[in-house]
Protein backbone atom coordinates (compact mmCIF):
# COMPACT_ATOMS: atom_id res chain seq x y z
CA MET A 1 167.22 -64.76 30.56
CA SER A 2 163.09 -63.60 31.00
CA ASP A 3 160.87 -66.34 30.73
CA GLN A 4 158.20 -63.57 29.26
CA PRO A 5 157.02 -63.38 25.50
CA PRO A 6 158.09 -60.39 24.07
CA PRO A 7 155.82 -57.37 23.62
CA GLY A 8 153.07 -57.42 20.73
CA ASN A 9 149.76 -58.26 20.13
CA TYR A 10 148.33 -61.58 21.48
CA PRO A 11 144.84 -62.83 22.15
CA PRO A 12 143.54 -62.93 25.33
CA PRO A 13 143.88 -66.05 27.46
CA PRO A 14 141.14 -68.87 27.49
CA PRO A 15 138.53 -68.35 30.03
CA PRO A 16 139.22 -69.92 33.31
CA GLY A 17 137.67 -73.58 33.31
CA GLY A 18 139.72 -74.58 30.37
CA GLY A 19 138.49 -75.95 26.85
CA ASP A 20 139.63 -74.74 23.40
CA TYR A 21 135.92 -72.53 22.89
CA PRO A 22 136.21 -69.01 21.75
CA PRO A 23 133.72 -66.81 23.89
CA PRO A 24 130.37 -65.58 23.05
CA PRO A 25 129.71 -62.90 21.04
CA PRO A 26 129.49 -59.66 22.99
CA GLY A 27 125.87 -58.72 23.87
CA GLY A 28 124.67 -62.67 23.38
CA GLY A 29 124.08 -61.54 19.76
CA GLY A 30 123.21 -64.68 17.19
CA TYR A 31 122.32 -66.40 19.94
CA PRO A 32 118.61 -66.97 20.79
CA PRO A 33 117.22 -66.33 24.17
CA PRO A 34 117.16 -69.62 26.17
CA PRO A 35 113.74 -71.32 26.66
CA PRO A 36 111.74 -70.48 30.18
CA PRO A 37 112.46 -72.98 33.04
CA GLY A 38 111.13 -76.41 32.04
CA GLY A 39 111.97 -76.32 28.36
CA TYR A 40 108.41 -76.21 27.19
CA PRO A 41 106.83 -73.33 24.65
CA PRO A 42 104.10 -71.16 26.14
CA PRO A 43 100.48 -72.35 26.59
CA PRO A 44 97.88 -71.59 24.17
CA PRO A 45 95.39 -69.08 25.20
CA PRO A 46 92.37 -70.48 27.27
CA GLY A 47 90.26 -72.32 25.47
CA GLY A 48 92.51 -74.00 22.81
CA TYR A 49 90.59 -72.33 19.69
CA PRO A 50 91.94 -68.98 18.01
CA PRO A 51 89.66 -66.17 18.78
CA PRO A 52 86.79 -65.91 16.78
CA PRO A 53 86.68 -63.37 13.60
CA PRO A 54 85.30 -59.67 14.85
CA PRO A 55 81.94 -58.75 13.72
CA GLY A 56 80.89 -58.34 10.47
CA GLY A 57 84.33 -60.10 8.99
CA TYR A 58 82.54 -62.40 7.01
CA PRO A 59 82.33 -61.39 2.96
CA PRO A 60 78.97 -60.45 1.87
CA PRO A 61 77.19 -62.99 -0.04
CA PRO A 62 76.83 -63.20 -3.69
CA HIS A 63 74.82 -61.22 -5.86
CA GLY A 64 71.09 -62.29 -5.77
CA GLY A 65 71.33 -64.45 -2.08
CA ALA A 66 73.03 -67.18 -0.99
CA PRO A 67 74.33 -69.80 -3.38
CA GLY A 68 71.11 -72.58 -4.33
CA TYR A 69 68.53 -70.10 -3.19
CA PRO A 70 66.44 -67.77 -5.53
CA PRO A 71 66.87 -63.92 -5.44
CA PRO A 72 64.38 -62.57 -2.69
CA PRO A 73 61.15 -61.03 -4.44
CA GLN A 74 61.57 -57.66 -6.00
CA GLY A 75 60.23 -54.69 -3.68
CA GLY A 76 59.02 -56.70 -1.06
CA TYR A 77 55.91 -58.20 -2.51
CA PRO A 78 55.35 -62.19 -1.95
CA PRO A 79 54.21 -63.92 -5.31
CA ALA A 80 50.42 -63.17 -5.65
CA GLY A 81 48.67 -66.25 -4.45
CA TYR A 82 51.50 -67.98 -2.70
CA PRO A 83 50.80 -70.88 -0.12
CA PRO A 84 53.01 -71.10 2.35
CA PRO A 85 54.56 -75.09 2.89
CA GLY A 86 53.36 -74.89 6.71
CA GLY A 87 49.68 -76.27 7.60
CA PRO A 88 46.81 -74.37 8.51
CA GLY A 89 47.37 -71.05 10.42
CA PHE A 90 51.23 -70.89 9.07
CA GLY A 91 52.65 -67.66 9.88
CA GLY A 92 50.40 -66.58 12.60
CA PRO A 93 46.36 -66.71 13.74
CA PRO A 94 44.53 -65.82 10.47
CA ARG A 95 42.98 -62.62 9.89
CA TYR A 96 39.73 -63.44 8.62
CA SER A 97 36.66 -62.61 9.38
CA ILE A 98 33.24 -63.75 6.82
CA GLY A 99 32.34 -60.15 6.56
CA ASP A 100 35.81 -59.68 4.84
CA ALA A 101 34.97 -62.88 2.65
CA PHE A 102 31.69 -61.31 1.56
CA SER A 103 32.72 -58.07 0.77
CA TRP A 104 35.76 -59.20 -1.05
CA ALA A 105 33.45 -61.70 -2.94
CA TRP A 106 30.76 -59.32 -3.93
CA ASN A 107 33.44 -56.55 -5.01
CA LYS A 108 35.31 -59.06 -7.16
CA PHE A 109 31.93 -60.33 -8.40
CA THR A 110 30.93 -57.09 -9.79
CA ASN A 111 34.22 -56.29 -11.15
CA ASN A 112 33.95 -59.63 -13.29
CA ALA A 113 30.27 -59.73 -13.41
CA VAL A 114 30.29 -60.57 -17.35
CA PRO A 115 32.42 -63.67 -17.32
CA PHE A 116 30.92 -64.78 -13.96
CA LEU A 117 27.46 -64.51 -15.51
CA VAL A 118 28.19 -65.93 -18.87
CA ALA A 119 29.98 -68.97 -17.39
CA THR A 120 27.52 -69.57 -14.74
CA LEU A 121 24.24 -69.50 -17.45
CA VAL A 122 26.29 -71.77 -19.85
CA TRP A 123 27.68 -73.99 -17.46
CA GLY A 124 23.87 -74.22 -15.94
CA LEU A 125 22.69 -74.69 -19.30
CA VAL A 126 24.38 -77.83 -19.75
CA MET A 127 24.17 -79.33 -16.82
CA VAL A 128 20.34 -78.96 -17.16
CA VAL A 129 20.28 -80.36 -20.89
CA LEU A 130 22.48 -83.61 -20.02
CA GLN A 131 20.00 -84.08 -16.77
CA TRP A 132 17.17 -83.95 -19.32
CA ILE A 133 18.42 -86.71 -21.87
CA VAL A 134 19.03 -88.84 -19.31
CA ASN A 135 15.92 -88.16 -17.91
CA ALA A 136 13.91 -88.78 -20.60
CA LEU A 137 16.57 -91.93 -21.45
CA GLY A 138 15.29 -93.48 -18.61
CA GLY A 139 11.56 -92.38 -18.80
CA ALA A 140 11.45 -93.93 -22.31
CA LEU A 141 12.89 -97.65 -20.72
CA ASN A 142 10.73 -97.65 -17.74
CA ASP A 143 7.85 -100.08 -18.03
CA GLY A 144 6.16 -99.30 -14.61
CA ASP A 145 6.45 -97.61 -11.33
CA THR A 146 9.85 -95.94 -10.73
CA THR A 147 11.48 -95.31 -7.42
CA SER A 148 13.70 -91.59 -7.91
CA TYR A 149 16.84 -90.85 -6.24
CA THR A 150 18.32 -87.50 -5.64
CA THR A 151 21.99 -86.88 -5.07
CA ASP A 152 24.21 -84.01 -4.97
CA ASP A 153 28.25 -83.81 -5.98
CA GLY A 154 30.12 -80.76 -6.88
CA GLY A 155 27.37 -78.18 -6.51
CA PHE A 156 24.98 -79.53 -9.16
CA ALA A 157 22.06 -81.59 -8.07
CA LEU A 158 21.70 -85.21 -10.03
CA SER A 159 18.30 -87.23 -10.10
CA TYR A 160 17.59 -90.23 -11.95
CA SER A 161 14.31 -92.97 -11.49
CA LEU A 162 15.25 -96.77 -11.28
CA ASP A 163 12.77 -99.65 -12.47
CA SER A 164 13.55 -101.95 -15.57
CA PRO A 165 17.12 -103.48 -16.36
CA GLY A 166 17.37 -100.91 -19.06
CA SER A 167 16.61 -97.79 -17.28
CA ILE A 168 19.08 -98.96 -14.24
CA ILE A 169 21.70 -99.14 -17.27
CA VAL A 170 20.96 -95.70 -18.59
CA SER A 171 20.89 -94.41 -14.94
CA ILE A 172 24.55 -95.65 -14.48
CA ILE A 173 25.49 -94.50 -17.55
CA GLY A 174 23.96 -90.86 -16.91
CA TYR A 175 25.63 -90.87 -13.72
CA ILE A 176 28.88 -91.62 -14.70
CA VAL A 177 28.52 -88.77 -17.70
CA LEU A 178 26.76 -86.74 -15.31
CA LEU A 179 29.71 -87.03 -12.55
CA ILE A 180 32.74 -86.47 -15.17
CA VAL A 181 30.81 -83.23 -16.47
CA GLY A 182 29.97 -81.87 -12.97
CA ALA A 183 33.86 -81.93 -12.51
CA THR A 184 34.95 -80.69 -15.47
CA VAL A 185 32.73 -77.67 -14.82
CA GLN A 186 33.82 -77.01 -11.04
CA SER A 187 37.50 -77.69 -11.89
CA ALA A 188 37.09 -74.82 -14.85
CA TYR A 189 35.08 -72.52 -12.43
CA VAL A 190 36.74 -73.07 -9.55
CA GLY A 191 40.11 -72.28 -11.58
CA GLY A 192 38.76 -68.86 -12.36
CA VAL A 193 38.20 -68.10 -9.23
CA LEU A 194 41.58 -68.82 -8.10
CA ASP A 195 43.14 -66.59 -11.52
CA ILE A 196 41.13 -64.12 -9.45
CA ALA A 197 42.28 -64.22 -6.16
CA ASN A 198 45.81 -64.57 -7.63
CA GLY A 199 45.17 -61.02 -9.08
CA GLN A 200 45.33 -62.38 -12.61
CA PRO A 201 42.76 -60.64 -15.07
CA VAL A 202 40.00 -62.68 -16.38
CA SER A 203 37.99 -63.33 -19.38
CA ILE A 204 35.17 -65.64 -20.02
CA GLY A 205 37.30 -68.12 -21.27
CA SER A 206 39.39 -68.35 -17.96
CA PHE A 207 35.93 -70.36 -16.79
CA PHE A 208 36.02 -72.65 -19.57
CA ARG A 209 39.53 -73.98 -18.43
CA PRO A 210 39.05 -77.33 -16.73
CA ARG A 211 42.22 -78.19 -14.73
CA ASN A 212 43.08 -81.59 -13.27
CA VAL A 213 39.71 -83.34 -14.16
CA GLY A 214 40.89 -86.51 -13.14
CA ASN A 215 41.76 -85.49 -9.57
CA VAL A 216 38.61 -83.51 -9.34
CA VAL A 217 36.78 -86.60 -10.26
CA ILE A 218 38.22 -89.12 -7.83
CA ALA A 219 37.88 -86.61 -4.82
CA GLY A 220 34.26 -86.17 -5.88
CA VAL A 221 33.49 -89.62 -5.63
CA ILE A 222 35.65 -90.54 -2.42
CA VAL A 223 34.20 -87.24 -1.02
CA GLY A 224 30.27 -88.58 -1.88
CA ILE A 225 30.55 -91.54 -0.52
CA LEU A 226 31.76 -90.81 2.67
CA THR A 227 28.83 -88.13 3.15
CA SER A 228 26.36 -90.63 1.76
CA ILE A 229 27.72 -93.22 4.38
CA GLY A 230 27.33 -90.28 6.72
CA LEU A 231 23.82 -88.95 5.90
CA PHE A 232 22.66 -92.82 6.54
CA LEU A 233 24.12 -92.68 10.16
CA CYS A 234 21.06 -90.23 11.42
CA ILE A 235 22.21 -87.25 8.91
CA ILE A 236 24.63 -85.50 11.52
CA PRO A 237 27.45 -87.24 10.31
CA GLY A 238 27.29 -87.01 7.08
CA LEU A 239 26.66 -83.34 7.96
CA ILE A 240 29.70 -83.06 9.49
CA VAL A 241 31.94 -84.64 6.59
CA ALA A 242 30.38 -82.12 4.00
CA ILE A 243 31.83 -79.42 6.75
CA PHE A 244 34.81 -81.04 6.97
CA THR A 245 35.72 -81.51 3.27
CA MET A 246 34.18 -78.00 2.22
CA PHE A 247 38.01 -77.06 0.93
CA THR A 248 38.42 -80.02 -0.97
CA ILE A 249 38.48 -79.15 -4.66
CA VAL A 250 39.83 -75.98 -4.20
CA ALA A 251 42.93 -77.61 -2.39
CA LEU A 252 43.31 -79.57 -4.85
CA LEU A 253 43.37 -77.20 -7.78
CA ASP A 254 45.07 -74.70 -5.59
CA ARG A 255 48.20 -76.76 -4.53
CA ASN A 256 47.94 -79.35 -7.17
CA LEU A 257 47.53 -81.95 -4.55
CA ALA A 258 46.54 -85.90 -5.19
CA PRO A 259 42.85 -86.78 -4.19
CA ILE A 260 43.63 -87.74 -0.73
CA ASP A 261 45.83 -84.97 0.41
CA ALA A 262 43.24 -82.77 -0.51
CA ILE A 263 40.87 -84.18 1.87
CA LYS A 264 43.64 -83.95 4.58
CA THR A 265 44.42 -80.87 3.85
CA SER A 266 40.77 -79.71 3.86
CA PHE A 267 40.12 -81.63 7.52
CA ASN A 268 43.28 -79.69 8.58
CA VAL A 269 42.09 -76.36 8.14
CA VAL A 270 38.47 -76.85 9.44
CA LYS A 271 40.23 -78.91 12.54
CA GLU A 272 42.26 -75.69 13.11
CA ASN A 273 39.71 -73.50 12.27
CA PHE A 274 36.07 -75.12 13.44
CA GLY A 275 34.25 -72.13 14.13
CA LEU A 276 35.18 -69.87 11.29
CA ALA A 277 34.62 -72.83 8.45
CA LEU A 278 31.42 -73.86 10.09
CA LEU A 279 29.92 -69.77 9.96
CA THR A 280 31.37 -69.55 6.40
CA TRP A 281 29.93 -73.18 5.52
CA LEU A 282 26.36 -72.00 7.01
CA VAL A 283 26.11 -68.28 5.10
CA MET A 284 27.56 -70.18 1.93
CA LEU A 285 24.53 -72.53 2.14
CA ALA A 286 22.09 -69.62 3.16
CA ILE A 287 23.24 -67.93 -0.08
CA ALA A 288 23.19 -70.65 -2.04
CA ALA A 289 19.35 -71.25 -0.51
CA VAL A 290 18.45 -67.59 -1.42
CA GLY A 291 19.73 -67.87 -4.70
CA ALA A 292 17.50 -70.96 -5.31
CA LEU A 293 14.53 -69.77 -4.03
CA LEU A 294 14.70 -66.47 -6.64
CA CYS A 295 13.04 -68.77 -9.37
CA GLY A 296 16.41 -70.55 -9.79
CA VAL A 297 17.54 -66.70 -11.67
CA GLY A 298 19.11 -65.81 -8.24
CA LEU A 299 21.83 -68.45 -8.93
CA LEU A 300 23.24 -66.68 -11.63
CA VAL A 301 24.55 -64.49 -8.66
CA ALA A 302 24.97 -66.74 -5.68
CA ILE A 303 27.28 -69.76 -7.17
CA PRO A 304 29.78 -67.02 -8.46
CA LEU A 305 29.49 -65.88 -4.64
CA VAL A 306 29.57 -69.03 -2.74
CA ILE A 307 32.88 -70.32 -4.80
CA LEU A 308 34.50 -66.60 -4.33
CA ILE A 309 33.65 -66.94 -0.75
CA GLU A 310 34.91 -70.75 -0.40
CA VAL A 311 38.23 -69.31 -2.04
CA TYR A 312 39.01 -66.48 0.16
CA ALA A 313 38.23 -68.52 3.09
CA PHE A 314 40.71 -71.26 2.25
CA ARG A 315 43.18 -68.78 1.35
CA LYS A 316 42.96 -66.94 4.61
CA LEU A 317 42.62 -69.92 6.76
CA SER A 318 45.51 -71.75 5.57
CA GLY A 319 47.99 -69.15 5.47
CA GLY A 320 47.78 -67.76 1.89
CA GLN A 321 47.23 -64.57 0.31
CA VAL A 322 44.47 -63.12 -1.91
CA ALA A 323 44.49 -60.36 -4.25
CA ASP A 324 43.34 -57.19 -2.53
CA LEU A 325 39.88 -55.10 -3.12
CA ASN A 326 41.84 -53.01 -4.94
CA PRO A 327 45.31 -54.02 -5.94
CA GLN A 328 47.96 -51.30 -6.34
CA PRO A 329 50.50 -51.81 -9.40
CA LEU A 330 53.62 -53.46 -8.49
CA PRO A 331 56.72 -51.50 -8.11
CA PRO A 332 59.21 -51.40 -11.42
CA GLN A 333 61.56 -54.13 -11.23
């Protein structure tokens, strides 16, 4: 009798080496490939950082610009009269010449002659009448020889006499009144010129709207004290103070500054552009002198020209803008 099993379908014998494990499926299917030598995953790309996004792969900003920022001006025009936040000369060297300043001032004066002439005449009469009242009251209280004093504040000359105690009191009160009225006149007048520099249409009423009078008074007192001290020190220091503070009131009204900040701003503008500022100051002085020599009537033209040149010079030397001689209409929004 044979030991061989009978014919039939039997499973293949186990592989050599023993064990009861079934053989792996054909082709290695269903099993992951073995790890590379060492048993560690492949290293990351050099630098260990993911690659940057392709150029232009950022989403566009929302309509009107980035969040938290105002939309850019339409048509590429900055706001009229915009003073940059930086210091003097912001945005490059100033494009300024005294010839351009005079041409711009004359153009704006002739285009607004009636408002300028009426405002200058009315404010001038107000100051003259107040001055006459102060002098008359002081003279009525005098009982002997008098000592006269003259000062110049805000472009208007003030004079008074001292003798008796009553005259002294009247003079002090008169000086305070004239100081406040002078600051009111100056703030309204310069404010009207700033409107012109901003490209806004002006009327006679534009020169009769006082602005920030309190700070103008304080700034005028500080500048007056500093100038007086300088004049007592051999005159030249007083002239230097006058030059370096020439833009104080314009800066105060144009940028809504505190008195000390306005003085500092004027000082910095002149310091950074001393040659041009000195030439401008001399031209303004010459125009005022010529106007005064023409029987005072010339001041009706000289005062507007001086303030127009002053505003133009401050805007240009501090990096600001002024309305063009022949402004073009802005494109439709």
